[in-house]
């Protein structure tokens, strides 16, 4: 089947150029062309009107008029779309090309670089583009006609609906009396149903509250039982050893010290019984102070040793002789270690080995408890720290327990700003538990500069807080003293307040550069305090950079602190040198922002 004939008008005063265009087009095997030629712009304009070409090849420079004038005067249209024009020139520029395209040209080609392929492609693209535009114009007209017809139909339907509505209104009046009677009966029934539903909802809510209260009570009692039995085990174990054997004085002293230490620990747990319940809810507050991690592990090992010796289990420690200084709650860290050790002893067979080790990695101190015991099924590893989850929950299991020990380990570790993970090669291949805590380093010697703090970028070395005014707000005296000593060591001028009210009173007078505040405080918490600070004008401290330093360390706690108005959220325990650098960075940022 023959392809449609394309009519192309060539308007060019150069015979040689017209011959080139003719040769390129006639060699196109995919299309047939009817070529019309002229060397005059005016004649080309007339030929466009009489012959209506499918495409025009237009020389930009003609003897009687230029290409832009030709494009402007060309009024030959089909379906509201003009004839496609391709502008050809021997001396092109971007400005000429832009003007040509603005005046209606479909393409722009340079004669010196034009090839048969580029010309054929330009002609094809121009014709297709204009053909599509014409089709769209026709479809638009058709849609417009259809829309008018639809509007007429809608008007007819509207008149029919109005007539139907009048009929419906008449019918509505007829049934109105009966409907009113039924409505009254329905309202009475609805009131009765609503009352019954309200009673059922109240019963359901009471049941949910009762079940929740029972669950919380069970979790609380289970946690208390677990925590009280751990030090009790050491007390009873060493007491039995003292009664059943003749021990040398050194071992007797060690046994008595362990009994006394664990009895005191149990007494603290009894006195703080409400705080222990917060382990489950993640609200336990830590008593943070400086400590030695090696001593914490040694104390926990002494607690578990009687149970290990009863099963002929070798209990080892692998701790390098070096300072293991850290910051945290010594009792809770000991609780983490003895839970891990007790768990390892429980699941290690007779004659096995349990090891407690300390290792230092970049940015972390790691407490590692490993054993040669039962191991952990890889399928259970993701759930090992979930509360009340046990790998063997059957009534015939070999080991008891409520499944709270490892959950407590995770929660206490996260409160210290650390992480805990479990590793095992599988059942009967032992296990390792790694508690990673933020490393705490001894503060280097600093010679503070005198004078006001200068707006210099923080150096890579020790932080310099000379002349920086810092306000510390915390209702815990030990925490205030620790922050005051830490920042004062690096040269800061520290003002401490034990409540939000005192801090607000001192703020206009002290005019600190940085504000450090605890979150959980009696009377008014840190969230309310920082909102009140942000409500003050700038000259009274409303824009002061503020850091929340808190034991509430979850992602939700951080988000709430930032949304309340703090710039940073630093969980306890903190690294002293990093805290000092944080204060320095905030001071520099505040200075540069002024």
Protein backbone atom coordinates (compact mmCIF):
# COMPACT_ATOMS: atom_id res chain seq x y z
CA UNK A 1 0.00 0.00 0.00
CA UNK A 2 1.40 3.43 -1.02
CA UNK A 3 2.30 5.84 1.75
CA UNK A 4 0.46 9.22 1.81
CA UNK A 5 1.99 11.95 -0.35
CA UNK A 6 3.61 14.77 1.63
CA UNK A 7 3.57 18.26 0.12
CA UNK A 8 6.68 20.23 1.10
CA UNK A 9 7.19 23.91 0.15
CA UNK A 10 10.86 24.98 -0.15
CA UNK A 11 11.38 28.75 0.13
CA UNK A 12 15.09 29.52 -0.51
CA UNK A 13 16.85 31.88 -2.93
CA UNK A 14 19.82 29.46 -3.26
CA UNK A 15 19.41 26.99 -6.12
CA UNK A 16 22.21 24.83 -4.71
CA UNK A 17 20.56 24.63 -1.30
CA UNK A 18 17.18 23.78 -2.86
CA UNK A 19 18.86 20.99 -4.81
CA UNK A 20 20.36 19.61 -1.56
CA UNK A 21 16.94 19.62 0.15
CA UNK A 22 15.32 17.98 -2.89
CA UNK A 23 17.97 15.23 -2.95
CA UNK A 24 17.65 14.55 0.78
CA UNK A 25 13.86 14.31 0.64
CA UNK A 26 13.58 12.24 -2.55
CA UNK A 27 16.02 9.69 -1.10
CA UNK A 28 13.67 9.08 1.85
CA UNK A 29 12.42 5.52 1.28
CA UNK A 30 9.77 5.74 3.94
CA UNK A 31 7.75 8.62 2.46
CA UNK A 32 6.70 10.18 -0.85
CA UNK A 33 7.01 13.94 -1.37
CA UNK A 34 5.40 16.56 -3.66
CA UNK A 35 8.04 19.30 -3.67
CA UNK A 36 7.14 22.93 -4.48
CA UNK A 37 10.00 25.44 -4.78
CA UNK A 38 10.31 29.21 -4.78
CA UNK A 39 13.07 31.73 -4.18
CA UNK A 40 10.79 34.55 -3.01
CA UNK A 41 9.24 35.03 0.40
CA UNK A 42 6.15 36.74 -1.02
CA UNK A 43 5.59 33.94 -3.55
CA UNK A 44 6.13 31.38 -0.81
CA UNK A 45 3.42 33.10 1.27
CA UNK A 46 1.00 32.89 -1.67
CA UNK A 47 1.85 29.23 -2.38
CA UNK A 48 1.12 28.41 1.29
CA UNK A 49 -2.41 29.76 0.91
CA UNK A 50 -3.15 28.10 -2.46
CA UNK A 51 -1.41 24.74 -2.05
CA UNK A 52 -1.54 24.26 1.78
CA UNK A 53 1.76 22.38 2.24
CA UNK A 54 2.33 19.76 4.93
CA UNK A 55 5.66 21.40 5.81
CA UNK A 56 7.64 24.51 4.84
CA UNK A 57 11.45 24.63 4.60
CA UNK A 58 12.17 28.35 5.06
CA UNK A 59 15.48 30.13 4.45
CA UNK A 60 16.01 32.66 7.21
CA UNK A 61 17.52 35.28 4.88
CA UNK A 62 15.44 35.89 1.70
CA UNK A 63 15.95 38.76 -0.76
CA UNK A 64 12.51 40.31 -0.14
CA UNK A 65 11.85 39.53 3.58
CA UNK A 66 13.49 37.69 6.47
CA UNK A 67 12.31 34.49 8.09
CA UNK A 68 10.82 36.13 11.20
CA UNK A 69 8.62 38.39 9.06
CA UNK A 70 7.51 35.36 7.00
CA UNK A 71 6.57 33.50 10.20
CA UNK A 72 4.70 36.52 11.60
CA UNK A 73 2.68 37.13 8.39
CA UNK A 74 1.90 33.47 7.68
CA UNK A 75 -1.84 32.98 8.35
CA UNK A 76 -2.34 29.56 6.75
CA UNK A 77 -4.09 27.30 9.30
CA UNK A 78 -5.89 23.95 9.39
CA UNK A 79 -8.18 23.23 12.33
CA UNK A 80 -6.79 26.31 14.08
CA UNK A 81 -3.14 25.15 13.77
CA UNK A 82 -0.63 26.74 11.43
CA UNK A 83 1.52 24.97 8.81
CA UNK A 84 4.72 23.49 10.33
CA UNK A 85 7.79 25.57 9.40
CA UNK A 86 11.48 24.55 9.69
CA UNK A 87 13.85 27.54 9.60
CA UNK A 88 17.16 26.99 7.73
CA UNK A 89 20.13 29.33 7.97
CA UNK A 90 23.80 29.39 7.25
CA UNK A 91 24.74 31.72 10.12
CA UNK A 92 22.76 30.74 13.17
CA UNK A 93 22.76 31.92 16.74
CA UNK A 94 20.87 30.99 19.88
CA UNK A 95 18.96 34.32 19.85
CA UNK A 96 17.82 33.76 16.23
CA UNK A 97 16.72 30.23 17.06
CA UNK A 98 14.76 31.42 20.11
CA UNK A 99 13.00 34.18 18.12
CA UNK A 100 12.15 31.74 15.32
CA UNK A 101 10.62 29.25 17.76
CA UNK A 102 8.69 32.04 19.50
CA UNK A 103 7.19 33.14 16.16
CA UNK A 104 5.84 29.66 15.36
CA UNK A 105 8.71 27.66 13.82
CA UNK A 106 8.72 23.97 14.67
CA UNK A 107 12.51 23.51 14.28
CA UNK A 108 15.73 25.34 13.45
CA UNK A 109 18.62 23.78 11.42
CA UNK A 110 22.06 25.08 10.41
CA UNK A 111 22.83 24.52 6.74
CA UNK A 112 26.51 23.86 7.37
CA UNK A 113 25.88 20.97 9.79
CA UNK A 114 22.63 19.63 8.32
CA UNK A 115 22.54 16.03 7.11
CA UNK A 116 19.91 14.02 5.31
CA UNK A 117 19.06 12.26 8.56
CA UNK A 118 18.71 15.50 10.54
CA UNK A 119 16.52 17.10 7.84
CA UNK A 120 14.26 14.04 7.50
CA UNK A 121 13.99 13.79 11.27
CA UNK A 122 13.10 17.48 11.57
CA UNK A 123 10.43 17.19 8.85
CA UNK A 124 8.99 14.05 10.45
CA UNK A 125 8.89 15.61 13.92
CA UNK A 126 7.34 18.86 12.68
CA UNK A 127 4.61 17.12 10.69
CA UNK A 128 3.81 14.71 13.53
CA UNK A 129 3.69 17.51 16.12
CA UNK A 130 1.34 19.66 14.03
CA UNK A 131 -0.77 16.63 13.15
CA UNK A 132 -1.18 15.88 16.87
CA UNK A 133 -2.09 19.51 17.60
CA UNK A 134 -4.70 19.50 14.85
CA UNK A 135 -6.14 16.26 16.22
CA UNK A 136 -6.32 17.78 19.68
CA UNK A 137 -8.11 20.86 18.30
CA UNK A 138 -10.66 18.67 16.51
CA UNK A 139 -11.19 16.60 19.67
CA UNK A 140 -11.62 19.82 21.66
CA UNK A 141 -14.33 21.03 19.29
CA UNK A 142 -16.01 17.64 19.40
CA UNK A 143 -15.88 17.66 23.20
CA UNK A 144 -17.29 21.18 23.25
CA UNK A 145 -20.19 20.11 21.00
CA UNK A 146 -20.77 17.04 23.17
CA UNK A 147 -20.69 19.23 26.28
CA UNK A 148 -23.34 21.53 24.85
CA UNK A 149 -25.51 18.53 24.03
CA UNK A 150 -24.92 17.19 27.55
CA UNK A 151 -25.93 20.53 29.06
CA UNK A 152 -29.15 20.46 27.07
CA UNK A 153 -29.81 16.93 28.31
CA UNK A 154 -29.04 17.98 31.88
CA UNK A 155 -31.52 20.85 31.58
CA UNK A 156 -34.19 18.46 30.33
CA UNK A 157 -33.46 16.06 33.16
CA UNK A 158 -33.56 18.90 35.67
CA UNK A 159 -37.06 19.85 34.48
CA UNK A 160 -38.14 16.22 34.79
CA UNK A 161 -36.63 16.01 38.28
CA UNK A 162 -38.47 19.17 39.34
CA UNK A 163 -41.73 17.62 38.21
CA UNK A 164 -40.86 14.42 40.06
CA UNK A 165 -39.96 16.45 43.18
CA UNK A 166 -43.36 18.11 43.15
CA UNK A 167 -44.99 14.68 43.00
CA UNK A 168 -42.72 13.48 45.81
CA UNK A 169 -43.61 16.48 47.99
CA UNK A 170 -47.28 15.67 47.61
CA UNK A 171 -46.65 12.06 48.59
CA UNK A 172 -44.51 13.22 51.52
CA UNK A 173 -47.40 15.22 52.91
CA UNK A 174 -49.61 12.16 52.75
CA UNK A 175 -47.25 9.99 54.78
CA UNK A 176 -46.07 12.81 57.11
CA UNK A 177 -48.49 12.01 59.90
CA UNK A 178 -47.53 8.34 59.91
CA UNK A 179 -43.82 9.19 59.79
CA UNK A 180 -44.13 11.48 62.83
CA UNK A 181 -45.73 8.69 64.80
CA UNK A 182 -43.03 6.25 63.79
CA UNK A 183 -40.33 8.82 64.63
CA UNK A 184 -41.61 9.19 68.16
CA UNK A 185 -41.57 5.42 68.61
CA UNK A 186 -38.08 5.24 67.08
CA UNK A 187 -36.73 7.94 69.41
CA UNK A 188 -37.99 6.07 72.42
CA UNK A 189 -36.40 2.86 71.14
CA UNK A 190 -33.13 4.68 70.34
CA UNK A 191 -32.94 6.09 73.85
CA UNK A 192 -33.41 2.64 75.30
CA UNK A 193 -30.78 1.12 72.98
CA UNK A 194 -28.33 3.96 73.75
CA UNK A 195 -28.79 3.42 77.46
CA UNK A 196 -28.15 -0.29 77.10
CA UNK A 197 -25.07 0.41 74.95
CA UNK A 198 -23.74 2.87 77.52
CA UNK A 199 -24.14 0.28 80.26
CA UNK A 200 -22.34 -2.36 78.14
CA UNK A 201 -19.49 0.07 77.31
CA UNK A 202 -19.06 0.91 81.00
CA UNK A 203 -18.91 -2.79 81.80
CA UNK A 204 -16.33 -3.35 79.04
CA UNK A 205 -14.21 -0.41 80.26
CA UNK A 206 -14.37 -1.66 83.82
CA UNK A 207 -13.28 -5.11 82.64
CA UNK A 208 -10.36 -3.66 80.65
CA UNK A 209 -9.25 -1.54 83.63
CA UNK A 210 -9.51 -4.52 85.94
CA UNK A 211 -7.50 -6.72 83.57
CA UNK A 212 -4.90 -3.98 83.13
CA UNK A 213 -4.67 -3.49 86.89
CA UNK A 214 -4.22 -7.24 87.39
CA UNK A 215 -1.55 -7.37 84.69
CA UNK A 216 0.35 -4.42 86.16
CA UNK A 217 0.08 -5.99 89.63
CA UNK A 218 1.40 -9.31 88.33
CA UNK A 219 4.28 -7.60 86.49
CA UNK A 220 5.11 -5.56 89.58
CA UNK A 221 5.06 -8.56 91.93
CA UNK A 222 7.07 -10.67 89.49
CA UNK A 223 9.72 -7.95 89.18
CA UNK A 224 9.95 -7.46 92.94
CA UNK A 225 10.22 -11.22 93.52
CA UNK A 226 12.97 -11.53 90.92
CA UNK A 227 15.00 -8.62 92.29
CA UNK A 228 14.70 -9.68 95.93
CA UNK A 229 15.72 -13.29 95.27
CA UNK A 230 19.02 -12.37 93.59
CA UNK A 231 20.78 -10.85 96.63
CA UNK A 232 18.97 -13.32 98.92
CA UNK A 233 20.66 -16.14 97.02
CA UNK A 234 24.10 -14.79 97.89
CA UNK A 235 23.16 -14.23 101.54
CA UNK A 236 21.84 -17.77 101.99
CA UNK A 237 24.67 -19.30 99.97
CA UNK A 238 27.47 -17.68 101.95
CA UNK A 239 25.62 -18.32 105.25
CA UNK A 240 25.46 -22.03 104.47
CA UNK A 241 29.11 -22.05 103.50
CA UNK A 242 30.01 -20.41 106.81
CA UNK A 243 27.99 -22.98 108.75
CA UNK A 244 29.17 -26.05 106.86
CA UNK A 245 32.92 -25.47 106.56
CA UNK A 246 35.91 -24.23 108.49
CA UNK A 247 37.03 -21.26 106.44
CA UNK A 248 40.25 -19.33 106.80
CA UNK A 249 39.86 -15.78 108.19
CA UNK A 250 40.29 -14.13 104.78
CA UNK A 251 37.51 -16.19 103.19
CA UNK A 252 35.30 -15.68 106.24
CA UNK A 253 35.76 -11.91 105.92
CA UNK A 254 34.97 -12.12 102.23
CA UNK A 255 31.81 -14.12 102.97
CA UNK A 256 30.65 -11.67 105.64
CA UNK A 257 31.32 -8.69 103.35
CA UNK A 258 29.29 -10.34 100.58
CA UNK A 259 26.41 -11.09 103.00
CA UNK A 260 26.45 -7.52 104.29
CA UNK A 261 26.65 -6.02 100.80
CA UNK A 262 23.76 -8.09 99.48
CA UNK A 263 21.66 -7.53 102.59
CA UNK A 264 22.11 -3.79 102.14
CA UNK A 265 21.23 -4.15 98.47
CA UNK A 266 18.06 -6.05 99.39
CA UNK A 267 17.19 -3.39 101.97
CA UNK A 268 17.55 -0.70 99.33
CA UNK A 269 15.28 -2.65 97.01
CA UNK A 270 12.63 -2.94 99.73
CA UNK A 271 12.85 0.77 100.53
CA UNK A 272 12.65 1.66 96.81
CA UNK A 273 9.96 -0.86 95.97
CA UNK A 274 7.93 1.68 93.99
CA UNK A 275 10.97 2.62 91.91
CA UNK A 276 11.64 -1.04 91.08
CA UNK A 277 8.19 -1.23 89.44
CA UNK A 278 9.35 1.47 87.02
CA UNK A 279 11.80 -0.98 85.45
CA UNK A 280 8.88 -2.53 83.59
CA UNK A 281 7.50 0.87 82.46
CA UNK A 282 10.92 2.39 81.63
CA UNK A 283 10.62 5.20 84.22
CA UNK A 284 13.30 4.19 86.73
CA UNK A 285 15.56 7.08 87.71
CA UNK A 286 19.26 6.39 88.10
CA UNK A 287 21.51 7.54 90.93
CA UNK A 288 24.43 8.57 88.78
CA UNK A 289 27.94 8.94 90.16
CA UNK A 290 31.55 8.11 89.29
CA UNK A 291 32.44 4.42 89.59
CA UNK A 292 34.87 1.68 88.59
CA UNK A 293 33.38 -0.92 86.23
CA UNK A 294 35.89 -3.54 87.39
CA UNK A 295 34.65 -3.21 90.98
CA UNK A 296 31.04 -3.49 89.77
CA UNK A 297 31.82 -6.77 88.01
CA UNK A 298 33.79 -8.15 90.96
CA UNK A 299 30.84 -7.39 93.28
CA UNK A 300 28.39 -9.12 90.94
CA UNK A 301 30.69 -12.14 90.61
CA UNK A 302 30.81 -12.48 94.41
CA UNK A 303 27.00 -12.54 94.47
CA UNK A 304 26.75 -15.35 91.93
CA UNK A 305 29.80 -17.37 92.99
CA UNK A 306 27.99 -19.64 95.53
CA UNK A 307 25.47 -20.69 92.89
CA UNK A 308 28.26 -21.41 90.42
CA UNK A 309 30.26 -23.46 92.92
CA UNK A 310 27.16 -25.47 93.78
CA UNK A 311 27.04 -26.65 90.14
CA UNK A 312 30.82 -27.08 89.89
CA UNK A 313 30.90 -24.26 87.30
CA UNK A 314 34.13 -22.35 86.82
CA UNK A 315 33.40 -18.64 87.24
CA UNK A 316 36.16 -16.54 85.66
CA UNK A 317 36.88 -12.85 85.12
CA UNK A 318 38.93 -11.36 82.30
CA UNK A 319 39.62 -7.76 83.26
CA UNK A 320 42.81 -5.94 82.32
CA UNK A 321 44.62 -4.08 85.11
CA UNK A 322 43.77 -0.58 83.99
CA UNK A 323 41.43 2.20 85.11
CA UNK A 324 37.84 1.40 84.19
CA UNK A 325 36.39 4.72 85.26
CA UNK A 326 32.79 5.36 84.26
CA UNK A 327 29.67 7.21 85.34
CA UNK A 328 26.40 5.51 86.20
CA UNK A 329 24.30 3.89 88.89
CA UNK A 330 26.59 1.32 90.50
CA UNK A 331 23.71 -0.71 91.99
CA UNK A 332 21.87 -0.91 88.69
CA UNK A 333 25.02 -1.77 86.74
CA UNK A 334 25.74 -4.51 89.29
CA UNK A 335 22.15 -5.64 88.82
CA UNK A 336 22.78 -5.91 85.04
CA UNK A 337 25.89 -8.04 85.55
CA UNK A 338 24.44 -10.36 88.19
CA UNK A 339 21.32 -10.93 86.06
CA UNK A 340 23.53 -11.96 83.13
CA UNK A 341 25.77 -14.10 85.34
CA UNK A 342 22.80 -15.76 87.08
CA UNK A 343 21.25 -16.49 83.70
CA UNK A 344 24.51 -17.98 82.46
CA UNK A 345 24.91 -20.16 85.56
CA UNK A 346 21.30 -21.33 85.27
CA UNK A 347 21.72 -22.52 81.68
CA UNK A 348 25.27 -23.91 81.97
CA UNK A 349 25.59 -27.65 82.80
CA UNK A 350 27.75 -29.11 85.57
CA UNK A 351 31.44 -28.56 85.00
CA UNK A 352 30.92 -25.69 82.53
CA UNK A 353 32.53 -22.26 82.45
CA UNK A 354 31.08 -18.76 82.81
CA UNK A 355 33.28 -15.73 82.10
CA UNK A 356 32.78 -12.03 82.87
CA UNK A 357 35.05 -9.69 80.91
CA UNK A 358 35.64 -6.00 80.23
CA UNK A 359 36.74 -4.64 76.85
CA UNK A 360 37.18 -1.13 75.52
CA UNK A 361 36.23 -0.29 71.93
CA UNK A 362 35.94 3.04 70.16
CA UNK A 363 33.50 5.07 72.19
CA UNK A 364 32.27 2.18 74.35
CA UNK A 365 33.13 0.07 77.37
CA UNK A 366 31.80 -3.46 76.91
CA UNK A 367 30.75 -5.85 79.67
CA UNK A 368 30.84 -9.36 78.17
CA UNK A 369 29.30 -12.39 79.88
CA UNK A 370 29.88 -15.69 78.05
CA UNK A 371 29.18 -19.29 78.92
CA UNK A 372 29.55 -22.85 77.60
CA UNK A 373 25.95 -23.67 78.33
CA UNK A 374 22.72 -24.43 76.53
CA UNK A 375 22.99 -21.68 73.92
CA UNK A 376 20.12 -19.93 72.13
CA UNK A 377 18.10 -21.08 69.14
CA UNK A 378 18.72 -18.55 66.30
CA UNK A 379 14.94 -18.24 65.84
CA UNK A 380 14.59 -17.04 69.45
CA UNK A 381 17.48 -14.54 69.42
CA UNK A 382 15.32 -11.55 68.29
CA UNK A 383 13.00 -12.15 71.29
CA UNK A 384 15.55 -12.91 73.98
CA UNK A 385 15.20 -9.48 75.69
CA UNK A 386 11.39 -9.32 75.50
CA UNK A 387 9.65 -9.47 78.92
CA UNK A 388 7.94 -12.75 79.85
CA UNK A 389 9.42 -14.49 76.79
CA UNK A 390 11.22 -17.82 77.32
CA UNK A 391 12.74 -20.14 74.78
CA UNK A 392 11.12 -23.11 76.58
CA UNK A 393 7.75 -22.17 78.05
CA UNK A 394 6.43 -25.71 78.56
CA UNK A 395 5.50 -27.17 81.95
CA UNK A 396 8.33 -29.69 81.60
CA UNK A 397 11.11 -27.17 81.11
CA UNK A 398 14.38 -27.73 82.94
CA UNK A 399 14.73 -24.19 84.31
CA UNK A 400 12.30 -21.93 86.13
CA UNK A 401 11.97 -18.16 86.05
CA UNK A 402 9.50 -15.56 84.85
CA UNK A 403 11.45 -14.32 81.83
CA UNK A 404 12.12 -10.88 83.34
CA UNK A 405 15.87 -10.97 83.93
CA UNK A 406 17.06 -10.17 80.40
CA UNK A 407 14.26 -7.62 79.90
CA UNK A 408 15.49 -5.82 83.02
CA UNK A 409 19.05 -5.96 81.66
CA UNK A 410 17.97 -4.28 78.44
CA UNK A 411 15.94 -1.57 80.16
CA UNK A 412 18.65 -0.69 82.67
CA UNK A 413 21.28 -0.67 79.91
CA UNK A 414 19.24 1.71 77.77
CA UNK A 415 18.72 4.01 80.77
CA UNK A 416 22.53 4.24 80.94
CA UNK A 417 22.62 5.26 77.28
CA UNK A 418 23.98 1.87 76.20
CA UNK A 419 22.92 -1.13 74.16
CA UNK A 420 22.87 -4.88 74.80
CA UNK A 421 22.93 -7.74 72.34
CA UNK A 422 23.00 -11.53 72.51
CA UNK A 423 25.06 -13.90 70.38
CA UNK A 424 24.93 -17.67 70.05
CA UNK A 425 26.01 -20.23 67.49
CA UNK A 426 22.97 -22.33 68.33
CA UNK A 427 21.62 -24.84 70.83
CA UNK A 428 24.28 -26.45 73.09
CA UNK A 429 26.97 -24.10 71.71
CA UNK A 430 27.03 -21.48 74.46
CA UNK A 431 26.10 -17.81 74.35
CA UNK A 432 27.55 -14.31 74.79
CA UNK A 433 25.84 -11.17 76.09
CA UNK A 434 27.54 -7.85 75.35
CA UNK A 435 26.53 -4.69 77.24
CA UNK A 436 28.01 -1.61 75.51
CA UNK A 437 28.12 1.53 77.68
CA UNK A 438 29.34 4.99 76.58
CA UNK A 439 33.05 5.18 77.40
CA UNK A 440 34.03 7.73 80.04
CA UNK A 441 37.58 9.14 79.86
CA UNK A 442 39.66 10.91 82.47
CA UNK A 443 39.54 14.65 81.87
CA UNK A 444 42.88 16.02 80.55
CA UNK A 445 44.75 18.87 82.16
CA UNK A 446 43.41 22.25 81.03
CA UNK A 447 44.80 25.71 81.62
CA UNK A 448 41.76 27.97 81.18
CA UNK A 449 42.24 31.32 79.48
CA UNK A 450 41.18 34.40 81.39
CA UNK A 451 38.53 36.75 80.11
CA UNK A 452 35.23 36.39 78.26
CA UNK A 453 34.57 33.45 75.96
CA UNK A 454 35.67 34.16 72.38
CA UNK A 455 33.77 33.05 69.27
CA UNK A 456 36.32 30.57 67.97
CA UNK A 457 35.50 27.15 66.54
CA UNK A 458 35.90 24.26 69.03
CA UNK A 459 39.37 22.75 68.78
CA UNK A 460 40.08 19.06 68.42
CA UNK A 461 41.85 19.10 71.78
CA UNK A 462 40.43 19.69 75.25
CA UNK A 463 37.39 21.99 75.35
CA UNK A 464 37.88 25.53 76.60
CA UNK A 465 34.96 26.99 78.55
CA UNK A 466 36.85 29.89 80.05
CA UNK A 467 34.46 32.80 80.58
CA UNK A 468 31.38 30.78 79.59
CA UNK A 469 28.44 31.23 81.97
CA UNK A 470 26.44 28.02 82.48
CA UNK A 471 23.30 27.48 84.55
CA UNK A 472 22.62 23.93 85.84
CA UNK A 473 19.08 23.04 86.98
CA UNK A 474 18.60 19.70 88.79
CA UNK A 475 16.78 18.76 91.98
CA UNK A 476 19.29 15.99 92.73
CA UNK A 477 22.24 17.35 94.72
CA UNK A 478 24.73 14.72 93.49
CA UNK A 479 23.81 15.42 89.87
CA UNK A 480 24.21 19.18 90.38
CA UNK A 481 27.59 18.73 92.01
CA UNK A 482 28.76 16.39 89.22
CA UNK A 483 27.73 18.86 86.48
CA UNK A 484 29.22 21.81 88.37
CA UNK A 485 32.52 20.01 88.88
CA UNK A 486 32.66 18.72 85.29
CA UNK A 487 32.03 22.07 83.60
CA UNK A 488 34.02 24.02 86.18
CA UNK A 489 37.02 21.79 85.45
CA UNK A 490 37.06 23.14 81.90
CA UNK A 491 36.82 26.77 83.02
CA UNK A 492 33.08 27.46 82.98
CA UNK A 493 31.43 29.81 85.47
CA UNK A 494 28.61 27.54 86.75
CA UNK A 495 25.46 28.62 88.62
CA UNK A 496 23.38 25.76 90.06
CA UNK A 497 19.66 25.80 90.88
CA UNK A 498 17.73 23.01 92.59
CA UNK A 499 14.34 23.82 91.01
CA UNK A 500 12.71 25.44 88.01
CA UNK A 501 11.41 28.27 90.19
CA UNK A 502 14.89 29.14 91.50
CA UNK A 503 16.35 29.00 87.98
CA UNK A 504 13.70 31.36 86.60
CA UNK A 505 14.41 33.80 89.41
CA UNK A 506 18.18 33.70 88.76
CA UNK A 507 18.01 33.78 84.96
CA UNK A 508 17.81 37.60 84.42
CA UNK A 509 20.61 38.18 86.92
CA UNK A 510 23.01 35.43 85.80
CA UNK A 511 22.32 35.78 82.04
CA UNK A 512 23.99 32.43 81.24
CA UNK A 513 25.35 31.52 77.82
CA UNK A 514 24.04 27.92 78.03
CA UNK A 515 21.33 26.28 80.15
CA UNK A 516 21.54 22.62 81.30
CA UNK A 517 18.36 21.19 82.83
CA UNK A 518 17.15 17.85 84.17
CA UNK A 519 13.70 16.64 83.05
CA UNK A 520 12.30 14.72 86.03
CA UNK A 521 12.22 17.28 88.85
CA UNK A 522 9.86 17.72 91.76
CA UNK A 523 7.43 20.64 91.66
CA UNK A 524 7.92 21.46 87.97
CA UNK A 525 9.56 19.22 85.36
CA UNK A 526 12.06 20.25 82.70
CA UNK A 527 9.50 20.32 79.89
CA UNK A 528 7.36 22.94 81.66
CA UNK A 529 10.48 24.86 82.73
CA UNK A 530 11.93 25.25 79.21
CA UNK A 531 8.52 26.29 77.83
CA UNK A 532 8.41 29.08 80.42
CA UNK A 533 11.97 30.10 79.47
CA UNK A 534 11.04 30.25 75.77
CA UNK A 535 8.11 32.54 76.61
CA UNK A 536 10.53 35.17 77.98
CA UNK A 537 11.84 38.02 75.77
CA UNK A 538 15.31 37.61 74.32
CA UNK A 539 16.88 40.19 76.65
CA UNK A 540 15.72 38.11 79.65
CA UNK A 541 17.04 34.76 78.36
CA UNK A 542 14.20 33.57 76.15
CA UNK A 543 16.58 32.53 73.35
CA UNK A 544 19.32 30.94 75.46
CA UNK A 545 20.65 27.60 74.06
CA UNK A 546 19.41 24.77 76.29
CA UNK A 547 20.38 21.10 76.78
CA UNK A 548 18.19 18.45 78.43
CA UNK A 549 20.41 16.16 80.53
CA UNK A 550 18.20 13.31 81.71
CA UNK A 551 17.90 9.63 82.45
CA UNK A 552 14.80 9.55 80.22
CA UNK A 553 16.67 8.32 77.16
CA UNK A 554 14.12 6.85 74.74
CA UNK A 555 13.42 8.24 71.26
CA UNK A 556 10.04 9.53 72.50
CA UNK A 557 11.75 11.33 75.41
CA UNK A 558 14.18 12.98 72.99
CA UNK A 559 11.37 14.09 70.67
CA UNK A 560 9.40 15.57 73.57
CA UNK A 561 12.48 17.44 74.82
CA UNK A 562 13.18 18.95 71.39
CA UNK A 563 9.55 19.92 70.81
CA UNK A 564 9.40 21.59 74.25
CA UNK A 565 12.25 23.96 73.39
CA UNK A 566 15.59 22.23 74.10
CA UNK A 567 18.28 22.36 71.40
CA UNK A 568 19.90 19.06 72.44
CA UNK A 569 19.02 15.92 74.42
CA UNK A 570 21.94 14.27 76.33
CA UNK A 571 21.09 11.01 78.14
CA UNK A 572 22.65 10.14 81.49
CA UNK A 573 25.30 9.01 82.14
CA UNK A 574 27.18 11.51 80.03
CA UNK A 575 30.78 11.68 78.85
CA UNK A 576 32.28 14.72 80.69
CA UNK A 577 34.56 15.83 77.88
CA UNK A 578 31.82 15.41 75.27
CA UNK A 579 29.40 17.39 77.42
CA UNK A 580 31.96 20.19 77.73
CA UNK A 581 32.45 20.17 73.95
CA UNK A 582 28.69 20.29 73.48
CA UNK A 583 28.48 23.39 75.68
CA UNK A 584 31.34 24.95 73.75
CA UNK A 585 29.67 24.25 70.39
CA UNK A 586 26.38 25.75 71.58
CA UNK A 587 28.19 28.84 72.85
CA UNK A 588 30.00 29.32 69.52
CA UNK A 589 26.77 28.80 67.54
CA UNK A 590 24.92 31.30 69.73
CA UNK A 591 27.70 33.88 69.36
CA UNK A 592 27.89 33.51 65.57
CA UNK A 593 24.11 33.73 65.30
CA UNK A 594 24.01 37.16 66.94
